[in-house]
N, C-alpha and C. Protein backbone atom coordinates (compact mmCIF):
# COMPACT_ATOMS: atom_id res chain seq x y z
N UNK A 1 1.48 -1.25 0.15
CA UNK A 1 -0.16 -0.43 -0.40
C UNK A 1 0.83 1.31 0.03
N UNK A 2 0.58 2.33 -1.28
CA UNK A 2 1.23 2.96 -0.90
C UNK A 2 1.09 4.15 0.36
N UNK A 3 1.74 4.93 0.38
CA UNK A 3 1.43 6.35 1.26
C UNK A 3 0.47 7.01 0.52
N UNK A 4 0.19 7.80 1.66
CA UNK A 4 -1.03 9.18 0.69
C UNK A 4 0.36 10.17 1.24
N UNK A 5 0.65 11.30 -0.01
CA UNK A 5 1.94 12.34 0.12
C UNK A 5 1.40 13.29 1.22
N UNK A 6 -0.08 13.33 1.79
CA UNK A 6 0.20 14.20 2.27
C UNK A 6 0.39 13.45 4.40
N UNK A 7 1.03 12.39 3.76
CA UNK A 7 1.18 11.38 5.48
C UNK A 7 2.77 11.21 5.17
N UNK A 8 3.36 12.39 3.93
CA UNK A 8 4.89 11.66 4.30
C UNK A 8 5.46 13.02 5.06
N UNK A 9 6.62 12.77 5.46
CA UNK A 9 8.03 13.53 6.12
C UNK A 9 9.16 13.32 5.59
N UNK A 10 9.93 14.52 6.15
CA UNK A 10 11.60 14.10 4.98
C UNK A 10 12.04 13.06 5.24
N UNK A 11 11.76 11.77 6.28
CA UNK A 11 12.81 10.54 6.64
C UNK A 11 11.86 9.54 5.43
N UNK A 12 10.87 10.22 4.77
CA UNK A 12 10.46 9.08 3.06
C UNK A 12 11.48 9.58 2.33
N UNK A 13 12.72 8.39 1.60
CA UNK A 13 13.22 8.31 1.00
C UNK A 13 12.39 9.47 -0.27
N UNK A 14 11.33 8.72 -0.95
CA UNK A 14 11.20 9.01 -1.84
C UNK A 14 10.55 10.48 -1.87
N UNK A 15 10.66 11.51 -0.55
CA UNK A 15 9.99 12.85 -0.64
C UNK A 15 11.60 13.24 -0.06
N UNK A 16 12.50 12.65 0.54
CA UNK A 16 13.57 13.12 0.61
C UNK A 16 14.16 13.72 -0.08
N UNK A 17 14.45 12.82 -1.26
CA UNK A 17 14.89 12.90 -2.62
C UNK A 17 14.52 14.30 -3.38
N UNK A 18 13.15 14.25 -3.40
CA UNK A 18 12.94 14.90 -4.50
C UNK A 18 12.82 16.29 -3.86
N UNK A 19 12.31 16.69 -2.49
CA UNK A 19 13.09 17.96 -2.04
C UNK A 19 14.48 18.41 -2.51
N UNK A 20 15.30 17.64 -2.57
CA UNK A 20 16.33 18.07 -2.24
C UNK A 20 17.04 18.23 -3.74
N UNK A 21 16.15 17.82 -4.80
CA UNK A 21 16.08 18.11 -5.73
C UNK A 21 16.48 19.27 -6.91
N UNK A 22 15.64 20.28 -5.85
CA UNK A 22 15.26 21.23 -6.26
C UNK A 22 16.84 22.06 -5.89
N UNK A 23 17.23 22.60 -6.53
CA UNK A 23 18.81 23.11 -6.27
C UNK A 23 18.62 24.48 -5.34
N UNK A 24 17.38 24.93 -4.84
CA UNK A 24 17.27 26.37 -4.32
C UNK A 24 17.47 26.15 -2.90
N UNK A 25 16.45 25.39 -2.33
CA UNK A 25 16.19 24.10 -1.42
C UNK A 25 16.74 23.89 -0.87
N UNK A 26 18.30 22.68 -1.80
CA UNK A 26 18.91 21.69 -1.40
C UNK A 26 20.24 22.88 -0.66
N UNK A 27 20.73 23.68 -1.96
CA UNK A 27 22.09 25.14 -1.07
C UNK A 27 20.94 26.09 -0.14
N UNK A 28 20.06 26.60 0.25
CA UNK A 28 19.48 26.95 1.30
C UNK A 28 19.70 26.18 2.69
N UNK A 29 19.62 24.30 2.40
CA UNK A 29 19.79 23.72 3.69
C UNK A 29 21.50 22.90 3.85
N UNK A 30 22.08 23.48 2.77
CA UNK A 30 23.54 23.43 2.62
C UNK A 30 23.76 24.48 3.72
N UNK A 31 23.64 25.76 3.13
CA UNK A 31 24.35 27.28 3.71
C UNK A 31 23.62 26.73 5.75
N UNK A 32 22.81 26.22 5.38
CA UNK A 32 22.27 26.47 7.28
C UNK A 32 22.65 25.49 7.53
N UNK A 33 23.49 24.21 7.29
CA UNK A 33 23.90 23.42 8.29
C UNK A 33 25.32 23.78 8.35
N UNK A 34 26.41 24.03 7.17
CA UNK A 34 27.44 24.57 7.10
C UNK A 34 28.03 25.53 7.34
N UNK A 35 27.07 26.79 7.66
CA UNK A 35 27.44 28.12 8.19
C UNK A 35 28.07 28.84 7.16
N UNK A 36 28.20 28.29 6.03
CA UNK A 36 29.01 29.57 4.97
C UNK A 36 28.00 29.76 3.76
N UNK A 37 27.79 30.61 3.12
CA UNK A 37 27.42 30.80 1.92
C UNK A 37 27.91 30.14 0.50
N UNK A 38 27.39 29.07 -0.06
CA UNK A 38 27.69 28.75 -1.20
C UNK A 38 27.19 29.20 -2.49
N UNK A 39 28.36 29.36 -3.35
CA UNK A 39 28.49 30.28 -4.88
C UNK A 39 27.20 29.30 -5.92
N UNK A 40 27.01 28.43 -6.14
CA UNK A 40 26.85 28.07 -6.79
C UNK A 40 26.97 26.66 -7.00
N UNK A 41 25.03 26.09 -7.07
CA UNK A 41 25.47 24.17 -6.65
C UNK A 41 25.02 23.57 -8.17
N UNK A 42 25.33 22.53 -8.19
CA UNK A 42 26.07 21.80 -9.99
C UNK A 42 25.66 20.71 -9.22
N UNK A 43 24.06 19.94 -9.34
CA UNK A 43 23.76 18.49 -9.15
C UNK A 43 24.33 17.54 -10.10
N UNK A 44 25.33 16.09 -9.23
CA UNK A 44 25.33 15.39 -9.40
C UNK A 44 24.73 14.59 -9.88
N UNK A 45 23.74 13.76 -8.99
CA UNK A 45 23.31 12.71 -8.66
C UNK A 45 21.91 12.38 -7.59
N UNK A 46 21.04 12.08 -7.76
CA UNK A 46 19.57 11.85 -6.92
C UNK A 46 20.67 9.87 -6.98
N UNK A 47 20.21 9.44 -5.90
CA UNK A 47 20.07 7.97 -5.70
C UNK A 47 21.31 7.16 -6.47
N UNK A 48 22.67 7.86 -6.31
CA UNK A 48 23.67 7.33 -7.46
C UNK A 48 24.06 6.09 -6.56
N UNK A 49 24.25 4.71 -7.40
CA UNK A 49 25.37 3.77 -7.42
C UNK A 49 26.13 3.65 -7.69
N UNK A 50 27.57 3.28 -6.88
CA UNK A 50 28.80 3.08 -6.47
C UNK A 50 29.20 2.02 -6.32
N UNK A 51 29.92 1.83 -7.69
CA UNK A 51 30.32 -0.10 -7.50
C UNK A 51 31.77 0.37 -7.66
N UNK A 52 32.71 0.17 -6.56
CA UNK A 52 34.35 0.09 -6.47
C UNK A 52 34.53 -0.62 -7.48
N UNK A 53 33.85 -2.28 -7.27
CA UNK A 53 34.77 -3.37 -8.72
C UNK A 53 33.60 -4.50 -8.06
N UNK A 54 33.22 -5.08 -9.13
CA UNK A 54 32.95 -6.47 -8.35
C UNK A 54 32.46 -7.38 -7.49
N UNK A 55 33.83 -7.52 -7.02
CA UNK A 55 33.57 -8.10 -5.54
C UNK A 55 33.60 -7.21 -4.03
N UNK A 56 33.87 -5.69 -4.37
CA UNK A 56 33.85 -4.59 -2.91
C UNK A 56 31.77 -4.77 -2.68
N UNK A 57 31.86 -4.33 -1.88
CA UNK A 57 30.12 -3.76 -1.30
C UNK A 57 30.36 -1.99 -2.09
N UNK A 58 29.64 -1.61 -2.48
CA UNK A 58 28.94 -0.87 -3.50
C UNK A 58 27.97 -0.06 -2.22
N UNK A 59 27.54 1.00 -2.90
CA UNK A 59 27.10 1.95 -1.78
C UNK A 59 25.91 3.06 -2.68
N UNK A 60 24.69 3.62 -1.95
CA UNK A 60 23.99 3.96 -2.84
C UNK A 60 23.62 5.42 -1.99
N UNK A 61 24.05 6.13 -3.01
CA UNK A 61 24.08 7.91 -2.20
C UNK A 61 22.30 8.29 -2.69
N UNK A 62 22.33 8.81 -1.51
CA UNK A 62 20.70 9.30 -1.53
C UNK A 62 20.95 10.35 -2.20
N UNK A 63 21.54 12.07 -1.96
CA UNK A 63 22.02 13.13 -2.88
C UNK A 63 23.30 13.32 -3.18
N UNK A 64 23.86 13.78 -3.93
CA UNK A 64 25.23 13.48 -4.10
C UNK A 64 25.06 15.49 -4.94
N UNK A 65 25.80 16.50 -4.22
CA UNK A 65 25.71 17.92 -4.93
C UNK A 65 27.34 17.82 -5.02
N UNK A 66 27.76 18.75 -6.01
CA UNK A 66 28.85 19.29 -5.64
C UNK A 66 28.68 21.12 -6.44
N UNK A 67 29.50 21.95 -5.59
CA UNK A 67 29.67 23.34 -5.49
C UNK A 67 30.43 23.60 -7.02
N UNK A 68 30.42 24.86 -7.08
CA UNK A 68 31.62 25.71 -8.14
C UNK A 68 32.60 25.51 -7.77
N UNK A 69 32.94 25.47 -6.78
CA UNK A 69 34.56 25.19 -6.22
C UNK A 69 34.83 23.70 -6.46
N UNK A 70 33.73 23.35 -6.18
CA UNK A 70 34.24 21.21 -6.61
C UNK A 70 34.12 20.69 -5.69
N UNK A 71 33.45 21.14 -4.09
CA UNK A 71 33.48 20.39 -3.07
C UNK A 71 32.44 19.66 -3.49
N UNK A 72 32.19 18.46 -2.79
CA UNK A 72 31.08 17.70 -2.87
C UNK A 72 30.55 16.99 -1.80
N UNK A 73 29.16 17.30 -1.70
CA UNK A 73 28.56 17.15 -0.03
C UNK A 73 27.62 15.41 -1.15
N UNK A 74 27.09 14.86 0.00
CA UNK A 74 26.59 13.12 0.00
C UNK A 74 25.38 13.77 1.51
N UNK A 75 24.57 13.91 0.53
CA UNK A 75 23.38 13.69 1.86
C UNK A 75 22.58 13.02 2.32
N UNK A 76 22.13 11.99 3.03
CA UNK A 76 21.93 10.92 3.19
C UNK A 76 20.77 10.92 4.14
N UNK A 77 19.77 10.38 4.46
CA UNK A 77 18.79 10.17 5.54
C UNK A 77 18.81 8.78 5.86
N UNK A 78 19.07 8.82 7.16
CA UNK A 78 19.08 7.06 8.21
C UNK A 78 17.82 6.94 8.57
N UNK A 79 16.83 6.24 8.88
CA UNK A 79 15.59 6.02 9.75
C UNK A 79 15.89 5.12 10.74
N UNK A 80 17.13 4.01 10.38
CA UNK A 80 16.82 2.80 11.15
C UNK A 80 18.73 3.30 12.42
N UNK A 81 18.50 3.22 13.25
CA UNK A 81 20.04 3.07 14.09
C UNK A 81 20.85 1.96 14.20
N UNK A 82 22.02 1.78 13.61
CA UNK A 82 22.38 0.29 13.13
C UNK A 82 23.25 0.25 13.77
N UNK A 83 23.92 1.48 14.75
CA UNK A 83 25.07 1.46 15.11
C UNK A 83 26.56 2.14 14.58
N UNK A 84 26.20 2.14 12.74
CA UNK A 84 27.62 2.23 12.52
C UNK A 84 27.61 3.48 11.54
N UNK A 85 26.88 4.52 12.22
CA UNK A 85 27.01 5.66 11.09
C UNK A 85 28.06 5.83 10.85
N UNK A 86 29.07 5.66 11.89
CA UNK A 86 30.87 6.75 11.65
C UNK A 86 31.42 5.82 10.74
N UNK A 87 31.24 4.27 10.47
CA UNK A 87 31.87 3.61 10.12
C UNK A 87 31.24 3.56 8.35
N UNK A 88 30.18 3.48 8.86
CA UNK A 88 29.51 3.96 7.03
C UNK A 88 29.81 5.16 6.71
N UNK A 89 29.43 6.75 7.07
CA UNK A 89 30.73 7.14 6.68
C UNK A 89 31.81 6.97 6.75
N UNK A 90 33.04 6.18 7.13
CA UNK A 90 34.31 6.09 6.71
C UNK A 90 34.45 5.17 5.49
N UNK A 91 32.92 4.47 4.79
CA UNK A 91 33.26 3.76 3.83
C UNK A 91 32.70 4.02 2.47
N UNK A 92 31.34 5.65 2.96
CA UNK A 92 31.11 6.23 2.15
C UNK A 92 32.25 7.24 1.22
N UNK A 93 32.63 7.91 2.21
CA UNK A 93 34.13 8.33 1.82
C UNK A 93 34.94 8.27 0.80
N UNK A 94 35.64 6.31 1.36
CA UNK A 94 36.39 5.99 0.58
C UNK A 94 35.45 5.56 -0.91
N UNK A 95 34.86 5.24 -0.97
CA UNK A 95 34.23 4.70 -2.44
C UNK A 95 34.21 5.94 -3.16
N UNK A 96 33.91 7.33 -2.30
CA UNK A 96 33.61 8.58 -3.30
C UNK A 96 35.06 8.64 -3.79
N UNK A 97 35.94 8.39 -2.65
CA UNK A 97 36.96 8.87 -3.39
C UNK A 97 37.37 8.04 -4.98
N UNK A 98 37.09 6.96 -4.46
CA UNK A 98 37.69 6.19 -5.88
C UNK A 98 37.25 7.14 -7.05
N UNK A 99 35.94 7.43 -7.16
CA UNK A 99 35.80 8.32 -8.45
C UNK A 99 36.50 9.46 -9.08
N UNK A 100 37.40 9.80 -7.87
CA UNK A 100 37.90 10.95 -8.13
C UNK A 100 39.22 11.19 -8.58
N UNK A 101 39.72 9.76 -8.23
CA UNK A 101 41.67 9.60 -8.79
C UNK A 101 41.61 8.65 -9.95
N UNK A 102 42.26 9.36 -11.34
CA UNK A 102 42.36 8.09 -12.40
C UNK A 102 43.59 7.25 -11.43
N UNK A 103 43.22 6.70 -12.68
CA UNK A 103 44.04 4.79 -12.79
C UNK A 103 45.88 6.05 -12.79
N UNK A 104 46.90 5.80 -12.15
CA UNK A 104 48.11 6.51 -12.25
C UNK A 104 47.94 7.26 -11.84
N UNK A 105 46.74 8.34 -11.16
CA UNK A 105 47.05 9.45 -10.41
C UNK A 105 47.84 9.35 -9.41
N UNK A 106 49.08 9.87 -8.83
CA UNK A 106 49.22 9.27 -7.75
C UNK A 106 49.13 10.82 -6.79
N UNK A 107 48.52 11.92 -7.38
CA UNK A 107 48.61 12.84 -6.64
C UNK A 107 47.24 13.19 -5.75
N UNK A 108 46.91 12.66 -4.38
CA UNK A 108 46.23 12.76 -3.65
C UNK A 108 45.81 13.86 -3.67
N UNK A 109 46.39 14.84 -3.79
CA UNK A 109 46.02 16.29 -3.38
C UNK A 109 44.87 16.75 -4.51
N UNK A 110 44.69 15.77 -5.66
CA UNK A 110 43.95 16.05 -6.64
C UNK A 110 42.04 16.03 -5.77
N UNK A 111 42.17 15.06 -4.76
CA UNK A 111 41.00 14.77 -4.05
C UNK A 111 39.93 15.93 -3.86
N UNK A 112 38.61 15.88 -4.57
CA UNK A 112 38.30 17.03 -3.64
C UNK A 112 37.61 17.09 -2.59
N UNK A 113 37.11 18.28 -1.36
CA UNK A 113 36.94 18.24 -0.05
C UNK A 113 35.40 17.67 -0.78
N UNK A 114 35.13 17.18 0.88
CA UNK A 114 34.06 16.07 1.01
C UNK A 114 33.12 15.99 2.24
N UNK A 115 31.99 16.38 2.46
CA UNK A 115 30.94 16.76 3.20
C UNK A 115 30.40 15.23 3.16
N UNK A 116 30.24 14.91 4.30
CA UNK A 116 29.05 13.60 4.47
C UNK A 116 27.93 13.78 5.36
N UNK A 117 26.72 13.98 5.37
CA UNK A 117 25.56 14.99 6.17
C UNK A 117 24.56 13.35 6.60
N UNK A 118 24.40 13.11 7.37
CA UNK A 118 23.79 12.44 7.49
C UNK A 118 21.96 12.71 8.35
N UNK A 119 21.05 13.03 7.71
CA UNK A 119 19.93 12.77 8.67
C UNK A 119 19.62 11.73 9.41
N UNK A 120 19.70 12.10 10.76
CA UNK A 120 19.08 10.99 11.52
C UNK A 120 17.63 11.21 11.67
N UNK A 121 16.71 9.90 12.21
CA UNK A 121 14.89 10.29 13.02
C UNK A 121 15.44 10.04 14.24
N UNK A 122 17.09 9.37 14.45
CA UNK A 122 17.27 8.99 15.86
C UNK A 122 18.42 9.11 16.75
N UNK A 123 18.36 9.81 18.20
CA UNK A 123 19.45 10.25 18.46
C UNK A 123 20.59 9.78 18.80
N UNK A 124 21.90 10.03 17.34
CA UNK A 124 22.59 8.74 17.23
C UNK A 124 23.51 8.31 18.62
N UNK A 125 23.88 9.00 19.44
CA UNK A 125 24.64 9.03 20.51
C UNK A 125 24.20 8.74 21.78
N UNK A 126 22.55 9.61 21.42
CA UNK A 126 22.09 9.70 22.83
C UNK A 126 22.58 10.59 23.99
N UNK A 127 23.39 11.98 23.05
CA UNK A 127 23.25 12.89 24.02
C UNK A 127 22.16 13.70 24.26
N UNK A 128 21.50 13.53 23.24
CA UNK A 128 20.10 15.04 22.95
C UNK A 128 20.72 15.78 22.13
N UNK A 129 21.87 16.02 21.52
CA UNK A 129 21.95 16.96 20.85
C UNK A 129 21.52 16.77 18.83
N UNK A 130 21.42 17.52 18.69
CA UNK A 130 20.49 17.74 17.26
C UNK A 130 21.84 17.68 16.20
N UNK A 131 23.11 18.13 16.51
CA UNK A 131 24.29 18.46 15.40
C UNK A 131 25.27 17.18 15.70
N UNK A 132 26.18 16.72 15.56
CA UNK A 132 27.43 16.49 15.42
C UNK A 132 28.21 17.13 14.16
N UNK A 133 29.14 16.82 14.91
CA UNK A 133 29.99 17.47 13.41
C UNK A 133 31.57 16.80 13.79
N UNK A 134 32.13 16.06 12.87
CA UNK A 134 33.22 15.40 12.68
C UNK A 134 34.07 15.47 11.41
N UNK A 135 35.11 15.66 11.85
CA UNK A 135 36.59 16.52 10.45
C UNK A 135 37.48 15.37 10.60
N UNK A 136 38.22 15.29 9.50
CA UNK A 136 39.35 15.20 9.48
C UNK A 136 40.17 15.69 10.29
N UNK A 137 41.16 14.62 11.13
CA UNK A 137 42.40 15.47 11.72
C UNK A 137 43.68 14.86 11.62
N UNK A 138 44.38 16.06 11.32
CA UNK A 138 45.84 16.13 11.29
C UNK A 138 46.91 16.03 12.03
N UNK A 139 47.11 15.63 13.17
CA UNK A 139 48.00 15.93 14.07
C UNK A 139 50.01 15.30 13.96
């Protein structure tokens, strides 16, 4: 049985992807989350499947966009708490990176800056916070 549109919210995959496929809405959302203005968005894909090779686990990205500066944003909706979002994020990052280096390209500085955003319908760490930010750290 299909849900009536009036009963859907953004945790529904169809509606989530449909709403974020609007460039202005997606840009405004990213600017609110990131805390800075984004010059322009160029859409990469909605529900994009990436498979590193025939033997590795593939991923399906809900919404992936690229800004004018070449930064990549992966926006995900997560409805179930599987307890592995940090590992999932790490794996998504690695699979996304594979697409951005050509064979023989040894200059890893050519990788674009990426940001993976998970919207969840649950308190991921049970600490009552609505936002958690994790950054690459080079000590």
